[in-house]
């Protein structure tokens, strides 16, 4: 039997409503990873729904997911909680994450997003740390900023990237990107990025469902 898009969305929303706190659920179903500790996988304070993502700038799947995730953030006006998780097998991804952190802190968050987007778009042309250095210098120059000779002399940004990586290890990550759609009560791991929008729709339906209230009985005359 073929389900309509509306039927699938209704079923997904109904399932979300029955999930316990910090439920392990995936989209599509039965494709999620096993995690060790997801107690920290929540939206920022004040947000009902958010996207919670771990990415690696050298990961082709992350490059594919990047524009879809950011389009969803813009479309739904929800926060993105992003963490760097540079895989040990990748040569230059940790350095790229450090540079992105420098740009975010010293220049602007928007330019840091542009840098990440540009790195993802140029992945196939970057095969070494030297290639990344040359690419980054051109990026800085094209945006009117000098690239410092030493990008992280104090080790601050390296420490931030390592803190993200340690968090990912605590959760028990095994791949990038790892993407969750999260509410204050539960989360859904999106293993197929084409399911992102309908998963967000289901989460929004969950948090917008009014809480039943008891009404006072009418006073007897």
N, C-alpha and C. Protein backbone atom coordinates (compact mmCIF):
# COMPACT_ATOMS: atom_id res chain seq x y z
N UNK A 1 0.86 -1.19 0.00
CA UNK A 1 0.00 0.00 0.00
C UNK A 1 0.88 1.23 0.00
N UNK A 2 0.63 2.17 -0.87
CA UNK A 2 1.43 3.39 -0.97
C UNK A 2 0.82 4.46 -0.06
N UNK A 3 1.66 5.03 0.81
CA UNK A 3 1.19 6.08 1.70
C UNK A 3 1.42 7.44 1.05
N UNK A 4 0.49 8.35 1.23
CA UNK A 4 0.67 9.70 0.74
C UNK A 4 1.63 10.44 1.65
N UNK A 5 2.17 11.56 1.15
CA UNK A 5 3.08 12.36 1.95
C UNK A 5 2.41 12.82 3.25
N UNK A 6 1.14 13.22 3.18
CA UNK A 6 0.44 13.67 4.37
C UNK A 6 0.26 12.53 5.36
N UNK A 7 -0.03 11.33 4.85
CA UNK A 7 -0.19 10.18 5.74
C UNK A 7 1.12 9.85 6.43
N UNK A 8 2.23 9.87 5.68
CA UNK A 8 3.53 9.59 6.29
C UNK A 8 3.84 10.61 7.38
N UNK A 9 3.54 11.89 7.11
CA UNK A 9 3.80 12.94 8.07
C UNK A 9 2.94 12.75 9.32
N UNK A 10 1.68 12.38 9.14
CA UNK A 10 0.79 12.17 10.27
C UNK A 10 1.27 11.01 11.13
N UNK A 11 1.69 9.92 10.48
CA UNK A 11 2.19 8.77 11.22
C UNK A 11 3.47 9.11 11.97
N UNK A 12 4.36 9.88 11.31
CA UNK A 12 5.61 10.27 11.96
C UNK A 12 5.34 11.14 13.18
N UNK A 13 4.40 12.09 13.03
CA UNK A 13 4.07 12.97 14.16
C UNK A 13 3.44 12.16 15.30
N UNK A 14 2.56 11.22 14.94
CA UNK A 14 1.93 10.40 15.97
C UNK A 14 2.97 9.56 16.72
N UNK A 15 3.96 9.03 15.98
CA UNK A 15 5.00 8.23 16.62
C UNK A 15 5.85 9.08 17.54
N UNK A 16 6.18 10.29 17.10
CA UNK A 16 6.98 11.18 17.93
C UNK A 16 6.28 11.48 19.24
N UNK A 17 4.95 11.63 19.18
CA UNK A 17 4.21 11.97 20.38
C UNK A 17 4.25 10.84 21.42
N UNK A 18 4.50 9.63 20.98
CA UNK A 18 4.52 8.49 21.90
C UNK A 18 5.91 8.18 22.42
N UNK A 19 6.93 8.89 21.93
CA UNK A 19 8.30 8.57 22.32
C UNK A 19 8.62 9.05 23.72
N UNK A 20 9.37 8.29 24.49
CA UNK A 20 9.83 8.77 25.79
C UNK A 20 10.94 9.79 25.63
N UNK A 21 11.33 10.44 26.73
CA UNK A 21 12.40 11.43 26.66
C UNK A 21 13.68 10.77 26.16
N UNK A 22 14.43 11.51 25.35
CA UNK A 22 15.68 11.06 24.78
C UNK A 22 15.51 9.71 24.07
N UNK A 23 14.47 9.61 23.28
CA UNK A 23 14.20 8.38 22.56
C UNK A 23 15.18 8.21 21.41
N UNK A 24 15.55 6.96 21.13
CA UNK A 24 16.37 6.69 19.97
C UNK A 24 15.45 6.31 18.83
N UNK A 25 15.41 7.19 17.83
CA UNK A 25 14.52 7.03 16.69
C UNK A 25 15.26 7.57 15.48
N UNK A 26 14.95 7.06 14.31
CA UNK A 26 15.69 7.49 13.12
C UNK A 26 14.75 7.72 11.95
N UNK A 27 15.22 8.49 11.01
CA UNK A 27 14.49 8.75 9.77
C UNK A 27 15.46 8.53 8.61
N UNK A 28 15.18 7.50 7.76
CA UNK A 28 14.06 6.56 7.84
C UNK A 28 14.19 5.60 9.02
N UNK A 29 13.08 4.93 9.37
CA UNK A 29 13.09 4.07 10.55
C UNK A 29 14.12 2.94 10.46
N UNK A 30 14.61 2.55 11.63
CA UNK A 30 15.51 1.40 11.77
C UNK A 30 16.84 1.56 11.03
N UNK A 31 17.30 2.81 10.91
CA UNK A 31 18.58 3.06 10.26
C UNK A 31 19.57 3.79 11.17
N UNK A 32 19.16 4.08 12.39
CA UNK A 32 19.99 4.88 13.28
C UNK A 32 21.16 4.13 13.86
N UNK A 33 22.10 4.90 14.41
CA UNK A 33 23.27 4.33 15.08
C UNK A 33 22.98 4.11 16.56
N UNK A 34 23.80 3.29 17.19
CA UNK A 34 23.73 3.13 18.63
C UNK A 34 24.64 4.17 19.28
N UNK A 35 24.11 4.85 20.28
CA UNK A 35 24.86 5.89 20.96
C UNK A 35 25.03 5.56 22.43
N UNK A 36 26.06 6.14 23.03
CA UNK A 36 26.36 5.86 24.44
C UNK A 36 25.65 6.82 25.38
N UNK A 37 25.66 8.11 25.04
CA UNK A 37 25.10 9.12 25.94
C UNK A 37 24.58 10.28 25.09
N UNK A 38 23.28 10.46 25.06
CA UNK A 38 22.68 11.54 24.26
C UNK A 38 22.00 12.57 25.15
N UNK A 39 22.37 12.62 26.42
CA UNK A 39 21.71 13.54 27.35
C UNK A 39 21.91 15.00 26.97
N UNK A 40 22.97 15.29 26.22
CA UNK A 40 23.25 16.68 25.84
C UNK A 40 22.65 17.06 24.47
N UNK A 41 22.02 16.12 23.81
CA UNK A 41 21.46 16.37 22.47
C UNK A 41 20.10 17.02 22.63
N UNK A 42 20.11 18.35 22.78
CA UNK A 42 18.89 19.12 23.02
C UNK A 42 18.97 20.45 22.28
N UNK A 43 17.83 21.11 22.07
CA UNK A 43 17.87 22.45 21.48
C UNK A 43 18.49 23.45 22.45
N UNK A 44 18.92 24.61 21.95
CA UNK A 44 19.38 25.67 22.85
C UNK A 44 18.22 26.12 23.75
N UNK A 45 18.56 26.77 24.84
CA UNK A 45 17.54 27.27 25.75
C UNK A 45 16.58 28.20 25.01
N UNK A 46 15.30 27.98 25.19
CA UNK A 46 14.29 28.83 24.57
C UNK A 46 13.80 28.34 23.21
N UNK A 47 14.49 27.36 22.63
CA UNK A 47 14.10 26.83 21.32
C UNK A 47 13.32 25.53 21.52
N UNK A 48 12.26 25.36 20.73
CA UNK A 48 11.45 24.16 20.82
C UNK A 48 11.99 23.04 19.93
N UNK A 49 12.50 23.42 18.77
CA UNK A 49 13.04 22.45 17.80
C UNK A 49 14.35 23.00 17.26
N UNK A 50 15.31 22.13 17.03
CA UNK A 50 16.59 22.56 16.45
C UNK A 50 17.19 21.40 15.67
N UNK A 51 18.16 21.74 14.83
CA UNK A 51 18.99 20.73 14.17
C UNK A 51 20.31 20.67 14.93
N UNK A 52 20.72 19.47 15.29
CA UNK A 52 21.95 19.24 16.07
C UNK A 52 22.85 18.39 15.18
N UNK A 53 24.01 18.94 14.80
CA UNK A 53 24.81 18.28 13.76
C UNK A 53 26.29 18.21 14.13
N UNK A 54 26.90 17.08 13.77
CA UNK A 54 28.35 16.92 13.82
C UNK A 54 28.84 16.78 12.38
N UNK A 55 29.82 17.61 11.99
CA UNK A 55 30.31 17.57 10.61
C UNK A 55 31.82 17.53 10.55
N UNK A 56 32.32 17.09 9.41
CA UNK A 56 33.75 17.02 9.11
C UNK A 56 33.93 17.71 7.76
N UNK A 57 34.79 18.72 7.72
CA UNK A 57 34.93 19.53 6.51
C UNK A 57 35.57 18.76 5.35
N UNK A 58 36.13 17.60 5.62
CA UNK A 58 36.72 16.78 4.56
C UNK A 58 35.79 15.65 4.14
N UNK A 59 34.58 15.63 4.67
CA UNK A 59 33.64 14.53 4.45
C UNK A 59 32.70 14.87 3.27
N UNK A 60 32.70 14.07 2.20
CA UNK A 60 31.82 14.34 1.06
C UNK A 60 30.34 14.32 1.43
N UNK A 61 29.93 13.44 2.32
CA UNK A 61 28.53 13.40 2.74
C UNK A 61 28.14 14.67 3.49
N UNK A 62 29.07 15.23 4.25
CA UNK A 62 28.82 16.50 4.93
C UNK A 62 28.66 17.63 3.92
N UNK A 63 29.48 17.59 2.88
CA UNK A 63 29.37 18.60 1.82
C UNK A 63 28.00 18.54 1.15
N UNK A 64 27.50 17.32 0.94
CA UNK A 64 26.18 17.15 0.33
C UNK A 64 25.08 17.65 1.26
N UNK A 65 25.22 17.39 2.56
CA UNK A 65 24.18 17.77 3.51
C UNK A 65 24.17 19.26 3.83
N UNK A 66 25.32 19.92 3.71
CA UNK A 66 25.46 21.31 4.16
C UNK A 66 24.38 22.24 3.60
N UNK A 67 24.19 22.33 2.28
CA UNK A 67 23.19 23.28 1.78
C UNK A 67 21.76 22.90 2.17
N UNK A 68 21.49 21.61 2.32
CA UNK A 68 20.14 21.17 2.69
C UNK A 68 19.86 21.55 4.14
N UNK A 69 20.83 21.32 5.02
CA UNK A 69 20.67 21.68 6.42
C UNK A 69 20.46 23.18 6.57
N UNK A 70 21.26 23.97 5.87
CA UNK A 70 21.16 25.42 6.02
C UNK A 70 19.89 25.97 5.37
N UNK A 71 19.43 25.35 4.31
CA UNK A 71 18.15 25.75 3.74
C UNK A 71 17.01 25.46 4.70
N UNK A 72 17.09 24.32 5.39
CA UNK A 72 16.06 23.97 6.36
C UNK A 72 16.07 24.94 7.54
N UNK A 73 17.26 25.32 8.01
CA UNK A 73 17.37 26.28 9.10
C UNK A 73 16.71 27.60 8.71
N UNK A 74 16.96 28.04 7.50
CA UNK A 74 16.39 29.30 7.02
C UNK A 74 14.88 29.17 6.81
N UNK A 75 14.46 28.05 6.26
CA UNK A 75 13.03 27.85 5.97
C UNK A 75 12.19 27.81 7.24
N UNK A 76 12.67 27.06 8.24
CA UNK A 76 11.87 26.87 9.45
C UNK A 76 12.21 27.88 10.55
N UNK A 77 13.27 28.66 10.36
CA UNK A 77 13.71 29.63 11.36
C UNK A 77 13.99 28.94 12.71
N UNK A 78 14.76 27.86 12.63
CA UNK A 78 15.13 27.12 13.83
C UNK A 78 16.65 27.16 13.99
N UNK A 79 17.15 26.95 15.20
CA UNK A 79 18.60 27.01 15.42
C UNK A 79 19.32 25.79 14.84
N UNK A 80 20.58 26.01 14.52
CA UNK A 80 21.50 24.93 14.17
C UNK A 80 22.58 24.87 15.24
N UNK A 81 22.66 23.73 15.91
CA UNK A 81 23.73 23.50 16.90
C UNK A 81 24.75 22.61 16.20
N UNK A 82 25.84 23.23 15.76
CA UNK A 82 26.83 22.49 14.97
C UNK A 82 28.09 22.24 15.78
N UNK A 83 28.63 21.04 15.61
CA UNK A 83 29.89 20.68 16.24
C UNK A 83 30.83 20.11 15.18
N UNK A 84 32.11 20.39 15.34
CA UNK A 84 33.12 19.81 14.45
C UNK A 84 33.51 18.43 14.96
N UNK A 85 33.58 17.47 14.03
CA UNK A 85 34.03 16.13 14.39
C UNK A 85 34.97 15.64 13.29
N UNK A 86 36.20 16.19 13.26
CA UNK A 86 37.16 15.81 12.22
C UNK A 86 37.63 14.37 12.40
N UNK A 87 37.33 13.53 11.46
CA UNK A 87 37.70 12.12 11.54
C UNK A 87 39.22 11.96 11.46
N UNK A 88 39.75 11.03 12.21
CA UNK A 88 41.20 10.85 12.28
C UNK A 88 41.80 10.44 10.93
N UNK A 89 41.01 9.81 10.08
CA UNK A 89 41.52 9.37 8.79
C UNK A 89 41.72 10.53 7.81
N UNK A 90 41.16 11.68 8.12
CA UNK A 90 41.25 12.82 7.20
C UNK A 90 42.45 13.70 7.53
N UNK A 91 43.12 14.14 6.50
CA UNK A 91 44.42 14.81 6.65
C UNK A 91 44.28 16.25 7.13
N UNK A 92 43.34 17.00 6.54
CA UNK A 92 43.31 18.44 6.76
C UNK A 92 42.03 18.96 7.39
N UNK A 93 41.10 18.10 7.72
CA UNK A 93 39.79 18.58 8.19
C UNK A 93 39.89 19.31 9.53
N UNK A 94 40.77 18.85 10.42
CA UNK A 94 40.91 19.53 11.71
C UNK A 94 41.48 20.94 11.52
N UNK A 95 42.46 21.09 10.64
CA UNK A 95 43.02 22.41 10.36
C UNK A 95 41.96 23.34 9.78
N UNK A 96 41.13 22.81 8.89
CA UNK A 96 40.07 23.62 8.29
C UNK A 96 39.08 24.08 9.35
N UNK A 97 38.75 23.20 10.29
CA UNK A 97 37.83 23.57 11.36
C UNK A 97 38.42 24.67 12.23
N UNK A 98 39.73 24.60 12.49
CA UNK A 98 40.39 25.63 13.29
C UNK A 98 40.34 26.97 12.56
N UNK A 99 40.58 26.96 11.26
CA UNK A 99 40.52 28.21 10.48
C UNK A 99 39.11 28.78 10.50
N UNK A 100 38.11 27.92 10.36
CA UNK A 100 36.72 28.37 10.41
C UNK A 100 36.41 29.01 11.77
N UNK A 101 36.95 28.43 12.84
CA UNK A 101 36.74 28.99 14.18
C UNK A 101 37.41 30.36 14.31
N UNK A 102 38.61 30.48 13.72
CA UNK A 102 39.29 31.78 13.74
C UNK A 102 38.46 32.84 13.04
N UNK A 103 37.96 32.51 11.87
CA UNK A 103 37.17 33.48 11.11
C UNK A 103 35.91 33.87 11.88
N UNK A 104 35.26 32.89 12.49
CA UNK A 104 34.04 33.17 13.25
C UNK A 104 34.31 34.11 14.41
N UNK A 105 35.42 33.90 15.10
CA UNK A 105 35.73 34.69 16.30
C UNK A 105 36.34 36.04 15.97
N UNK A 106 37.23 36.07 14.97
CA UNK A 106 38.00 37.28 14.71
C UNK A 106 37.41 38.17 13.60
N UNK A 107 36.59 37.59 12.73
CA UNK A 107 36.06 38.39 11.62
C UNK A 107 34.53 38.45 11.71
N UNK A 108 33.85 37.36 11.35
CA UNK A 108 32.39 37.35 11.47
C UNK A 108 31.86 35.93 11.33
N UNK A 109 30.76 35.62 12.04
CA UNK A 109 30.14 34.29 11.89
C UNK A 109 29.69 34.02 10.46
N UNK A 110 29.18 35.04 9.77
CA UNK A 110 28.71 34.83 8.40
C UNK A 110 29.87 34.46 7.47
N UNK A 111 31.01 35.12 7.64
CA UNK A 111 32.15 34.79 6.79
C UNK A 111 32.66 33.38 7.11
N UNK A 112 32.55 32.98 8.36
CA UNK A 112 32.93 31.61 8.72
C UNK A 112 32.02 30.60 8.02
N UNK A 113 30.72 30.90 7.94
CA UNK A 113 29.80 30.03 7.21
C UNK A 113 30.19 29.99 5.73
N UNK A 114 30.55 31.14 5.18
CA UNK A 114 30.96 31.20 3.77
C UNK A 114 32.23 30.37 3.55
N UNK A 115 33.13 30.41 4.52
CA UNK A 115 34.36 29.62 4.41
C UNK A 115 34.05 28.13 4.41
N UNK A 116 33.22 27.70 5.32
CA UNK A 116 32.84 26.28 5.37
C UNK A 116 32.18 25.87 4.05
N UNK A 117 31.29 26.71 3.56
CA UNK A 117 30.61 26.40 2.29
C UNK A 117 31.62 26.29 1.15
N UNK A 118 32.59 27.22 1.13
CA UNK A 118 33.60 27.21 0.08
C UNK A 118 34.50 25.98 0.18
N UNK A 119 34.86 25.59 1.40
CA UNK A 119 35.68 24.39 1.58
C UNK A 119 34.93 23.17 1.08
N UNK A 120 33.68 23.04 1.44
CA UNK A 120 32.89 21.90 0.98
C UNK A 120 32.82 21.87 -0.55
N UNK A 121 32.63 23.04 -1.15
CA UNK A 121 32.53 23.10 -2.61
C UNK A 121 33.84 22.76 -3.30
N UNK A 122 34.97 22.92 -2.59
CA UNK A 122 36.29 22.72 -3.20
C UNK A 122 36.99 21.48 -2.68
N UNK A 123 36.26 20.59 -2.02
CA UNK A 123 36.88 19.40 -1.41
C UNK A 123 37.77 18.62 -2.37
N UNK A 124 37.30 18.42 -3.58
CA UNK A 124 38.06 17.57 -4.51
C UNK A 124 39.37 18.21 -4.95
N UNK A 125 39.50 19.52 -4.76
CA UNK A 125 40.73 20.22 -5.15
C UNK A 125 41.70 20.36 -3.99
N UNK A 126 41.30 19.92 -2.79
CA UNK A 126 42.15 20.03 -1.61
C UNK A 126 42.56 18.62 -1.19
N UNK A 127 43.82 18.28 -1.40
CA UNK A 127 44.27 16.92 -1.09
C UNK A 127 45.37 16.89 -0.04
N UNK A 128 45.76 18.06 0.48
CA UNK A 128 46.83 18.09 1.47
C UNK A 128 46.67 19.34 2.33
N UNK A 129 47.45 19.39 3.41
CA UNK A 129 47.43 20.58 4.26
C UNK A 129 47.96 21.80 3.49
N UNK A 130 48.89 21.57 2.61
CA UNK A 130 49.41 22.68 1.79
C UNK A 130 48.33 23.21 0.86
N UNK A 131 47.55 22.31 0.26
CA UNK A 131 46.44 22.75 -0.57
C UNK A 131 45.44 23.58 0.24
N UNK A 132 45.17 23.13 1.46
CA UNK A 132 44.24 23.87 2.32
C UNK A 132 44.78 25.25 2.65
N UNK A 133 46.07 25.32 2.93
CA UNK A 133 46.69 26.61 3.24
C UNK A 133 46.57 27.56 2.06
N UNK A 134 46.86 27.07 0.85
CA UNK A 134 46.76 27.91 -0.34
C UNK A 134 45.31 28.34 -0.59
N UNK A 135 44.39 27.41 -0.43
CA UNK A 135 42.97 27.71 -0.61
C UNK A 135 42.53 28.78 0.38
N UNK A 136 42.94 28.63 1.64
CA UNK A 136 42.51 29.56 2.69
C UNK A 136 43.09 30.95 2.47
N UNK A 137 44.35 31.02 2.04
CA UNK A 137 44.96 32.33 1.75
C UNK A 137 44.19 33.05 0.66
N UNK A 138 43.80 32.32 -0.39
CA UNK A 138 43.02 32.94 -1.47
C UNK A 138 41.65 33.38 -0.96
N UNK A 139 41.06 32.58 -0.08
CA UNK A 139 39.75 32.95 0.47
C UNK A 139 39.87 34.24 1.27
N UNK A 140 40.86 34.33 2.15
CA UNK A 140 41.06 35.54 2.93
C UNK A 140 41.26 36.75 2.01
N UNK A 141 42.13 36.61 1.03
CA UNK A 141 42.43 37.72 0.13
C UNK A 141 41.19 38.17 -0.64
N UNK A 142 40.40 37.21 -1.12
CA UNK A 142 39.22 37.56 -1.91
C UNK A 142 38.15 38.24 -1.09
N UNK A 143 38.24 38.12 0.24
CA UNK A 143 37.27 38.78 1.11
C UNK A 143 37.87 39.96 1.86
N UNK A 144 39.04 40.40 1.41
CA UNK A 144 39.62 41.62 1.93
C UNK A 144 40.22 41.52 3.32
N UNK A 145 40.69 40.32 3.69
CA UNK A 145 41.29 40.15 5.02
C UNK A 145 42.64 39.45 4.89
N UNK A 146 43.64 39.91 5.64
CA UNK A 146 44.93 39.20 5.62
C UNK A 146 44.82 37.93 6.46
N UNK A 147 45.43 36.87 5.96
CA UNK A 147 45.46 35.63 6.74
C UNK A 147 46.70 35.64 7.61
N UNK A 148 46.53 35.48 8.93
CA UNK A 148 47.71 35.51 9.80
C UNK A 148 48.67 34.37 9.52
N UNK A 149 49.95 34.63 9.74
CA UNK A 149 50.97 33.61 9.50
C UNK A 149 50.74 32.40 10.40
N UNK A 150 50.38 32.67 11.65
CA UNK A 150 50.01 31.61 12.60
C UNK A 150 48.55 31.84 12.97
N UNK A 151 47.69 30.91 12.60
CA UNK A 151 46.25 31.14 12.73
C UNK A 151 45.76 30.97 14.17
N UNK A 152 46.47 30.19 14.98
CA UNK A 152 45.97 29.87 16.32
C UNK A 152 47.13 29.77 17.31
N UNK A 153 47.81 30.90 17.56
CA UNK A 153 49.01 30.84 18.39
C UNK A 153 48.77 30.37 19.82
N UNK A 154 47.61 30.67 20.38
CA UNK A 154 47.33 30.29 21.76
C UNK A 154 46.73 28.89 21.88
N UNK A 155 46.32 28.32 20.75
CA UNK A 155 45.69 27.01 20.78
C UNK A 155 44.22 27.04 21.17
N UNK A 156 43.63 28.25 21.24
CA UNK A 156 42.24 28.39 21.66
C UNK A 156 41.28 27.65 20.73
N UNK A 157 41.45 27.87 19.42
CA UNK A 157 40.51 27.30 18.46
C UNK A 157 40.72 25.79 18.31
N UNK A 158 41.95 25.35 18.44
CA UNK A 158 42.22 23.91 18.44
C UNK A 158 41.53 23.25 19.63
N UNK A 159 41.55 23.93 20.76
CA UNK A 159 40.89 23.40 21.96
C UNK A 159 39.38 23.32 21.77
N UNK A 160 38.81 24.31 21.08
CA UNK A 160 37.37 24.29 20.82
C UNK A 160 37.00 23.11 19.92
N UNK A 161 37.80 22.89 18.89
CA UNK A 161 37.53 21.76 17.98
C UNK A 161 37.68 20.45 18.74
N UNK A 162 38.71 20.35 19.58
CA UNK A 162 38.91 19.13 20.35
C UNK A 162 37.76 18.90 21.32
N UNK A 163 37.22 19.97 21.90
CA UNK A 163 36.08 19.83 22.81
C UNK A 163 34.87 19.26 22.07
N UNK A 164 34.66 19.72 20.84
CA UNK A 164 33.58 19.16 20.01
C UNK A 164 33.82 17.68 19.74
N UNK A 165 35.07 17.35 19.41
CA UNK A 165 35.40 15.96 19.11
C UNK A 165 35.19 15.07 20.34
N UNK A 166 35.60 15.57 21.48
CA UNK A 166 35.42 14.82 22.73
C UNK A 166 33.94 14.60 23.03
N UNK A 167 33.13 15.63 22.75
CA UNK A 167 31.69 15.49 22.92
C UNK A 167 31.14 14.41 22.01
N UNK A 168 31.61 14.39 20.77
CA UNK A 168 31.17 13.36 19.83
C UNK A 168 31.55 11.97 20.30
N UNK A 169 32.74 11.84 20.87
CA UNK A 169 33.16 10.55 21.42
C UNK A 169 32.29 10.15 22.60
N UNK A 170 31.91 11.11 23.41
CA UNK A 170 31.04 10.81 24.56
C UNK A 170 29.68 10.30 24.08
N UNK A 171 29.17 10.91 23.03
CA UNK A 171 27.89 10.46 22.46
C UNK A 171 28.05 9.07 21.85
N UNK A 172 29.21 8.83 21.26
CA UNK A 172 29.47 7.55 20.61
C UNK A 172 29.31 7.61 19.11
N UNK A 173 29.75 8.72 18.51
CA UNK A 173 29.61 8.89 17.06
C UNK A 173 30.47 7.87 16.31
N UNK A 174 29.96 7.46 15.17
CA UNK A 174 30.71 6.54 14.31
C UNK A 174 30.78 7.03 12.87
N UNK A 175 30.16 8.18 12.57
CA UNK A 175 30.15 8.66 11.19
C UNK A 175 29.84 10.15 11.16
N UNK A 176 30.15 10.75 10.03
CA UNK A 176 29.74 12.13 9.75
C UNK A 176 29.07 12.16 8.38
N UNK A 177 28.10 13.05 8.19
CA UNK A 177 27.51 13.85 9.26
C UNK A 177 26.62 13.00 10.15
N UNK A 178 26.54 13.36 11.41
CA UNK A 178 25.51 12.82 12.30
C UNK A 178 24.56 13.97 12.59
N UNK A 179 23.32 13.81 12.18
CA UNK A 179 22.34 14.89 12.24
C UNK A 179 21.15 14.43 13.06
N UNK A 180 20.77 15.25 14.02
CA UNK A 180 19.58 15.01 14.83
C UNK A 180 18.60 16.17 14.64
N UNK A 181 17.32 15.86 14.62
CA UNK A 181 16.29 16.87 14.82
C UNK A 181 15.84 16.69 16.26
N UNK A 182 15.95 17.74 17.06
CA UNK A 182 15.77 17.61 18.50
C UNK A 182 14.66 18.52 19.02
N UNK A 183 13.95 18.01 20.03
CA UNK A 183 13.05 18.82 20.84
C UNK A 183 13.55 18.71 22.27
N UNK A 184 12.84 19.35 23.20
CA UNK A 184 13.26 19.26 24.59
C UNK A 184 12.99 17.89 25.19
N UNK A 185 12.19 17.06 24.50
CA UNK A 185 11.83 15.75 25.05
C UNK A 185 12.48 14.58 24.33
N UNK A 186 12.80 14.73 23.05
CA UNK A 186 13.35 13.59 22.33
C UNK A 186 14.15 14.07 21.12
N UNK A 187 14.73 13.11 20.42
CA UNK A 187 15.48 13.42 19.21
C UNK A 187 15.27 12.34 18.18
N UNK A 188 15.50 12.73 16.92
CA UNK A 188 15.43 11.81 15.80
C UNK A 188 16.73 11.93 15.02
N UNK A 189 17.43 10.83 14.80
CA UNK A 189 18.62 10.87 13.96
C UNK A 189 18.19 10.79 12.51
N UNK A 190 18.61 11.77 11.71
CA UNK A 190 18.28 11.80 10.29
C UNK A 190 19.45 11.17 9.54
N UNK A 191 19.29 9.93 9.13
CA UNK A 191 20.37 9.22 8.43
C UNK A 191 20.29 9.40 6.92
N UNK A 192 19.15 9.83 6.43
CA UNK A 192 18.96 10.14 5.01
C UNK A 192 18.51 11.59 4.93
N UNK A 193 19.35 12.44 4.38
CA UNK A 193 19.10 13.89 4.41
C UNK A 193 17.81 14.26 3.69
N UNK A 194 17.32 13.41 2.80
CA UNK A 194 16.06 13.71 2.11
C UNK A 194 14.87 13.63 3.07
N UNK A 195 15.07 13.08 4.26
CA UNK A 195 14.02 13.00 5.26
C UNK A 195 14.03 14.19 6.22
N UNK A 196 14.95 15.13 6.02
CA UNK A 196 15.12 16.20 7.01
C UNK A 196 13.87 17.04 7.18
N UNK A 197 13.29 17.51 6.07
CA UNK A 197 12.15 18.42 6.17
C UNK A 197 10.95 17.74 6.83
N UNK A 198 10.64 16.51 6.43
CA UNK A 198 9.47 15.86 7.02
C UNK A 198 9.71 15.53 8.48
N UNK A 199 10.97 15.30 8.87
CA UNK A 199 11.27 15.06 10.28
C UNK A 199 11.07 16.33 11.09
N UNK A 200 11.48 17.47 10.54
CA UNK A 200 11.25 18.76 11.21
C UNK A 200 9.76 19.04 11.31
N UNK A 201 9.02 18.76 10.23
CA UNK A 201 7.57 18.96 10.27
C UNK A 201 6.94 18.15 11.40
N UNK A 202 7.37 16.90 11.55
CA UNK A 202 6.82 16.05 12.60
C UNK A 202 7.18 16.58 13.98
N UNK A 203 8.42 17.06 14.15
CA UNK A 203 8.84 17.61 15.44
C UNK A 203 8.04 18.87 15.77
N UNK A 204 7.83 19.73 14.79
CA UNK A 204 7.05 20.95 15.02
C UNK A 204 5.61 20.61 15.36
N UNK A 205 5.08 19.58 14.71
CA UNK A 205 3.72 19.14 15.04
C UNK A 205 3.64 18.65 16.47
N UNK A 206 4.70 17.97 16.90
CA UNK A 206 4.73 17.46 18.27
C UNK A 206 4.71 18.58 19.29
N UNK A 207 5.60 19.58 19.10
CA UNK A 207 5.71 20.63 20.12
C UNK A 207 4.55 21.62 20.06
N UNK A 208 3.81 21.65 18.94
CA UNK A 208 2.68 22.57 18.83
C UNK A 208 1.38 21.96 19.31
N UNK A 209 1.40 20.65 19.63
CA UNK A 209 0.20 20.01 20.13
C UNK A 209 -0.13 20.55 21.51
N UNK A 210 -1.33 21.12 21.70
CA UNK A 210 -1.65 21.71 23.00
C UNK A 210 -1.73 20.67 24.09
N UNK A 211 -1.26 21.05 25.27
CA UNK A 211 -1.33 20.16 26.42
C UNK A 211 -2.74 20.16 26.97
N UNK A 212 -3.34 18.99 27.17
CA UNK A 212 -4.71 18.94 27.69
C UNK A 212 -4.80 19.61 29.05
N UNK A 213 -5.85 20.37 29.25
CA UNK A 213 -6.07 21.06 30.53
C UNK A 213 -7.39 20.63 31.10
N UNK A 214 -7.45 20.57 32.40
CA UNK A 214 -8.70 20.21 33.05
C UNK A 214 -9.53 21.46 33.28
N UNK A 215 -10.78 21.36 32.99
CA UNK A 215 -11.68 22.50 33.18
C UNK A 215 -12.45 22.34 34.48
N UNK A 216 -12.65 23.45 35.13
CA UNK A 216 -13.39 23.43 36.39
C UNK A 216 -14.85 23.10 36.10
N UNK A 217 -15.40 22.26 36.91
CA UNK A 217 -16.82 21.94 36.75
C UNK A 217 -17.67 23.14 37.08
N UNK A 218 -18.77 23.25 36.39
CA UNK A 218 -19.64 24.41 36.60
C UNK A 218 -20.22 24.39 38.00
N UNK A 219 -20.28 25.55 38.59
CA UNK A 219 -20.84 25.66 39.94
C UNK A 219 -22.33 25.37 39.91
N UNK A 220 -22.75 24.65 40.91
CA UNK A 220 -24.20 24.38 41.02
C UNK A 220 -24.92 25.63 41.49
N UNK A 221 -26.07 25.81 40.93
CA UNK A 221 -26.88 26.94 41.36
C UNK A 221 -27.43 26.67 42.75
